[in-house]
Amino acid sequence: MKEQHGTLDRGDGVRLAWRRLPGRGMGVVFLGGFNSDMTGTKAEFLAGWCEARGTPFLRFDYSGHGTSGGRFEDGTIGRWADDAACVIEAMADGPQVLVGSSMGGWIALLLARRIAVHALVGIAPAPDFTEDLMWAEFPPEVRATIERDGLWRRPSEYGAPYPITRALIEDGRRHLLLRGPLPIAAPVRILQGQQDPDVPWRHALRIAEALTGGDVHVTLIKDGDHRLSRPQDLALLGETLAPLLLQDGG
């Protein structure tokens, strides 16, 4: 199978970059994290894993990320969820297994409430992070800067400082999921490192508690970090994903 690639107009002239591996049976879609792209370690692992199995695989960059058009500063959780829905509906055939990393885990949960999905795998999933893991933790002077200027550049240990906008925070409040029951019936698997400095491991338990479906498993990796990109973490991802695809009989 040869990987296909291209761009898709989301409807307003902003083009979203995608890559797709054709295959047979149930497909996998990778949803990346905040300020990441579709060429990271986990996405590349999944591409090779799916290719070896003959499993369809779709990945893409949200607007303002990677090689997609648009400005990162213009993005919000709702906008990026719309980006994901646009690409999946155009490029994938039928319900998929969504694999969401960090912010991608939030996006996956939002999508599961609006389109048919077969199953979800969250890698350090971070629903509500703009409110609970950003705004709630920001000191008063940072909150004041965001409210006054509409933007604050947050230092990052993963690269250059990146912008946190007032629009991101305000839009995030319209998409909070952990304030009550989370009615998703599809199987959900969560992989969470207990040494994660960005998403506390107890956040995974909050998600599991909120989900109303019965088929929810949380795997805690005691020495795991946020990225969960070590060889043993990637092997665990494959082991977690394989049974979900077999449930389709493929």
Protein backbone atom coordinates (compact mmCIF):
# COMPACT_ATOMS: atom_id res chain seq x y z
CA MET A 1 0.00 0.00 0.00
CA LYS A 2 1.26 3.43 -0.90
CA GLU A 3 0.42 6.34 1.38
CA GLN A 4 -1.71 9.00 -0.27
CA HIS A 5 -1.50 12.66 0.69
CA GLY A 6 -3.19 15.91 -0.17
CA THR A 7 -5.11 18.87 1.20
CA LEU A 8 -8.80 19.48 1.77
CA ASP A 9 -10.59 22.84 1.84
CA ARG A 10 -12.52 22.95 5.09
CA GLY A 11 -15.04 25.30 3.49
CA ASP A 12 -13.55 28.74 4.06
CA GLY A 13 -10.40 28.56 1.94
CA VAL A 14 -8.19 27.11 4.70
CA ARG A 15 -6.69 23.88 3.44
CA LEU A 16 -6.10 20.96 5.80
CA ALA A 17 -3.19 18.62 5.05
CA TRP A 18 -3.85 14.88 5.32
CA ARG A 19 -2.17 11.53 4.72
CA ARG A 20 -4.01 8.28 4.19
CA LEU A 21 -3.07 4.62 3.93
CA PRO A 22 -5.68 2.52 2.13
CA GLY A 23 -6.45 -0.90 3.53
CA ARG A 24 -9.15 -3.38 4.48
CA GLY A 25 -11.66 -3.37 7.31
CA MET A 26 -11.92 -0.99 10.22
CA GLY A 27 -9.73 2.10 9.97
CA VAL A 28 -7.66 4.10 12.46
CA VAL A 29 -7.58 7.90 12.68
CA PHE A 30 -4.86 9.71 14.61
CA LEU A 31 -5.73 13.00 16.30
CA GLY A 32 -2.64 14.91 17.37
CA GLY A 33 -2.03 17.15 20.33
CA PHE A 34 -1.93 20.89 20.92
CA ASN A 35 0.78 22.54 18.81
CA SER A 36 1.94 19.19 17.36
CA ASP A 37 1.66 17.71 13.88
CA MET A 38 0.99 14.46 12.05
CA THR A 39 4.66 13.50 11.67
CA GLY A 40 5.37 12.82 15.34
CA THR A 41 6.62 9.55 16.78
CA LYS A 42 3.20 8.11 17.66
CA ALA A 43 1.69 8.99 14.28
CA GLU A 44 4.64 7.47 12.43
CA PHE A 45 4.45 4.34 14.59
CA LEU A 46 0.75 3.96 13.82
CA ALA A 47 1.38 4.43 10.10
CA GLY A 48 3.88 1.57 10.10
CA TRP A 49 1.73 -0.57 12.39
CA CYS A 50 -1.36 -0.13 10.22
CA GLU A 51 0.57 -0.67 7.00
CA ALA A 52 1.93 -3.97 8.29
CA ARG A 53 -1.62 -5.12 9.11
CA GLY A 54 -3.29 -3.79 5.98
CA THR A 55 -5.39 -1.50 8.16
CA PRO A 56 -6.60 1.84 6.77
CA PHE A 57 -4.96 4.80 8.52
CA LEU A 58 -5.75 8.52 8.35
CA ARG A 59 -3.84 11.41 9.90
CA PHE A 60 -3.97 15.14 9.35
CA ASP A 61 -2.91 18.53 10.69
CA TYR A 62 -5.43 20.85 12.33
CA SER A 63 -5.51 24.38 10.94
CA GLY A 64 -2.49 26.35 12.12
CA HIS A 65 -0.58 23.11 12.73
CA GLY A 66 2.06 21.38 10.63
CA THR A 67 1.53 21.90 6.89
CA SER A 68 -2.13 22.91 7.08
CA GLY A 69 -3.19 26.46 6.33
CA GLY A 70 -4.45 29.01 8.81
CA ARG A 71 -2.85 30.62 11.83
CA PHE A 72 -2.34 28.77 15.10
CA GLU A 73 -3.53 31.87 16.98
CA ASP A 74 -6.92 31.64 15.23
CA GLY A 75 -7.52 28.08 16.42
CA THR A 76 -9.83 26.96 19.20
CA ILE A 77 -11.03 23.60 20.48
CA GLY A 78 -14.28 23.95 18.53
CA ARG A 79 -12.49 24.98 15.35
CA TRP A 80 -10.04 22.09 15.56
CA ALA A 81 -12.85 19.63 16.30
CA ASP A 82 -14.59 20.92 13.16
CA ASP A 83 -11.33 20.43 11.23
CA ALA A 84 -11.17 16.82 12.42
CA ALA A 85 -14.80 16.12 11.53
CA CYS A 86 -14.29 17.66 8.09
CA VAL A 87 -11.30 15.44 7.27
CA ILE A 88 -12.79 12.26 8.73
CA GLU A 89 -16.12 12.65 6.96
CA ALA A 90 -14.37 13.33 3.65
CA MET A 91 -11.51 10.83 3.81
CA ALA A 92 -12.60 7.88 5.99
CA ASP A 93 -15.14 5.16 5.22
CA GLY A 94 -17.58 4.43 8.04
CA PRO A 95 -16.99 4.44 11.81
CA GLN A 96 -13.31 4.51 12.76
CA VAL A 97 -11.14 3.85 15.80
CA LEU A 98 -10.02 7.30 16.92
CA VAL A 99 -6.61 7.54 18.59
CA GLY A 100 -6.27 10.90 20.31
CA SER A 101 -3.09 12.18 21.93
CA SER A 102 -3.41 14.84 24.66
CA MET A 103 -5.67 17.53 23.11
CA GLY A 104 -6.52 14.94 20.47
CA GLY A 105 -8.15 12.91 23.22
CA TRP A 106 -10.50 15.84 23.91
CA ILE A 107 -11.20 16.16 20.19
CA ALA A 108 -11.92 12.42 19.96
CA LEU A 109 -14.44 12.58 22.80
CA LEU A 110 -16.15 15.58 21.20
CA LEU A 111 -16.33 13.76 17.87
CA ALA A 112 -17.81 10.66 19.50
CA ARG A 113 -20.81 12.79 20.45
CA ARG A 114 -21.43 14.00 16.88
CA ILE A 115 -20.33 11.26 14.46
CA ALA A 116 -20.40 7.46 14.60
CA VAL A 117 -17.15 6.03 15.96
CA HIS A 118 -16.18 2.42 16.57
CA ALA A 119 -13.88 2.97 19.56
CA LEU A 120 -11.56 5.51 21.14
CA VAL A 121 -8.00 5.28 22.44
CA GLY A 122 -6.75 8.23 24.48
CA ILE A 123 -3.02 8.76 25.03
CA ALA A 124 -2.78 11.11 28.02
CA PRO A 125 -6.17 12.49 26.92
CA ALA A 126 -6.75 16.06 28.04
CA PRO A 127 -10.42 17.05 27.86
CA ASP A 128 -11.10 20.41 29.54
CA PHE A 129 -7.38 21.20 29.65
CA THR A 130 -7.85 24.87 28.71
CA GLU A 131 -9.88 25.40 31.87
CA ASP A 132 -8.56 22.85 34.38
CA LEU A 133 -4.91 22.49 33.37
CA MET A 134 -4.27 25.99 32.00
CA TRP A 135 -6.58 28.71 33.31
CA ALA A 136 -6.93 27.21 36.79
CA GLU A 137 -3.15 26.97 37.09
CA PHE A 138 -2.20 30.35 35.61
CA PRO A 139 -1.04 33.00 38.13
CA PRO A 140 -3.11 36.19 38.31
CA GLU A 141 -0.66 38.19 36.19
CA VAL A 142 -0.90 35.69 33.31
CA ARG A 143 -4.70 35.70 33.46
CA ALA A 144 -4.62 39.50 33.42
CA THR A 145 -2.35 39.52 30.36
CA ILE A 146 -4.66 37.16 28.47
CA GLU A 147 -7.75 39.17 29.39
CA ARG A 148 -6.10 42.49 28.52
CA ASP A 149 -4.09 41.59 25.42
CA GLY A 150 -6.01 38.55 24.19
CA LEU A 151 -2.78 36.56 24.03
CA TRP A 152 0.08 35.29 26.17
CA ARG A 153 3.10 33.35 24.91
CA ARG A 154 3.64 30.33 27.11
CA PRO A 155 7.16 28.92 27.45
CA SER A 156 7.41 25.28 26.38
CA GLU A 157 9.93 22.57 27.15
CA TYR A 158 9.09 21.07 23.74
CA GLY A 159 10.17 24.10 21.66
CA ALA A 160 9.55 27.81 21.17
CA PRO A 161 6.94 29.62 23.30
CA TYR A 162 3.45 29.26 21.89
CA PRO A 163 0.44 31.57 22.07
CA ILE A 164 -2.45 31.04 24.48
CA THR A 165 -5.34 33.22 23.36
CA ARG A 166 -8.39 34.50 25.16
CA ALA A 167 -10.46 32.94 22.35
CA LEU A 168 -8.94 29.51 23.11
CA ILE A 169 -9.88 29.79 26.78
CA GLU A 170 -13.37 31.15 26.16
CA ASP A 171 -14.18 28.64 23.43
CA GLY A 172 -12.84 25.82 25.58
CA ARG A 173 -15.50 26.63 28.16
CA ARG A 174 -18.16 25.88 25.56
CA HIS A 175 -16.78 22.37 25.08
CA LEU A 176 -16.11 21.20 28.64
CA LEU A 177 -16.92 17.50 29.10
CA LEU A 178 -16.09 16.61 32.70
CA ARG A 179 -18.74 18.69 34.48
CA GLY A 180 -21.22 15.83 34.40
CA PRO A 181 -21.88 12.43 32.83
CA LEU A 182 -20.23 11.83 29.45
CA PRO A 183 -22.63 9.69 27.40
CA ILE A 184 -20.39 7.76 25.02
CA ALA A 185 -21.24 4.11 24.44
CA ALA A 186 -18.24 3.18 22.27
CA PRO A 187 -15.34 1.29 23.90
CA VAL A 188 -12.74 3.63 25.39
CA ARG A 189 -9.14 2.82 26.26
CA ILE A 190 -6.93 5.31 28.10
CA LEU A 191 -3.13 5.11 28.35
CA GLN A 192 -1.74 7.48 30.96
CA GLY A 193 1.74 8.02 32.33
CA GLN A 194 2.00 8.67 36.05
CA GLN A 195 5.08 10.86 35.56
CA ASP A 196 3.22 13.12 33.12
CA PRO A 197 4.03 16.77 33.98
CA ASP A 198 1.27 18.16 31.74
CA VAL A 199 -1.78 15.95 32.37
CA PRO A 200 -2.02 14.58 35.94
CA TRP A 201 -2.75 10.86 35.93
CA ARG A 202 -5.85 11.38 38.05
CA HIS A 203 -7.31 13.27 35.09
CA ALA A 204 -7.62 9.90 33.34
CA LEU A 205 -9.67 8.59 36.25
CA ARG A 206 -11.96 11.64 36.02
CA ILE A 207 -12.61 10.79 32.39
CA ALA A 208 -13.34 7.14 33.18
CA GLU A 209 -15.71 8.16 35.96
CA ALA A 210 -17.59 10.57 33.70
CA LEU A 211 -18.03 8.09 30.83
CA THR A 212 -21.38 6.31 31.01
CA GLY A 213 -20.42 3.36 28.78
CA GLY A 214 -19.41 0.12 30.42
CA ASP A 215 -16.42 -0.75 28.23
CA VAL A 216 -13.83 1.66 29.64
CA HIS A 217 -10.28 0.60 30.56
CA VAL A 218 -7.54 2.82 32.02
CA THR A 219 -3.92 1.70 31.87
CA LEU A 220 -1.51 3.61 34.11
CA ILE A 221 2.18 3.52 33.17
CA LYS A 222 4.02 4.24 36.40
CA ASP A 223 7.21 5.57 34.77
CA GLY A 224 5.45 7.02 31.72
CA ASP A 225 5.73 10.68 30.72
CA HIS A 226 3.33 12.84 28.69
CA ARG A 227 4.42 11.79 25.24
CA LEU A 228 4.39 8.00 25.82
CA SER A 229 6.63 7.62 22.78
CA ARG A 230 9.21 5.16 24.10
CA PRO A 231 9.42 1.77 22.38
CA GLN A 232 7.57 0.07 25.23
CA ASP A 233 4.86 2.75 25.16
CA LEU A 234 4.36 2.33 21.42
CA ALA A 235 4.21 -1.45 21.81
CA LEU A 236 1.49 -0.99 24.44
CA LEU A 237 -0.40 1.28 22.06
CA GLY A 238 -0.38 -1.45 19.41
CA GLU A 239 -1.45 -4.08 21.93
CA THR A 240 -4.31 -1.83 23.04
CA LEU A 241 -5.47 -1.04 19.52
CA ALA A 242 -5.39 -4.52 17.99
CA PRO A 243 -8.37 -6.05 19.89
CA LEU A 244 -10.53 -3.01 19.09
CA LEU A 245 -9.99 -3.61 15.38
CA LEU A 246 -10.70 -7.32 15.74
CA GLN A 247 -14.10 -6.50 17.26
CA ASP A 248 -15.15 -5.59 13.74
CA GLY A 249 -14.20 -9.05 12.57
CA GLY A 250 -11.47 -7.61 10.37
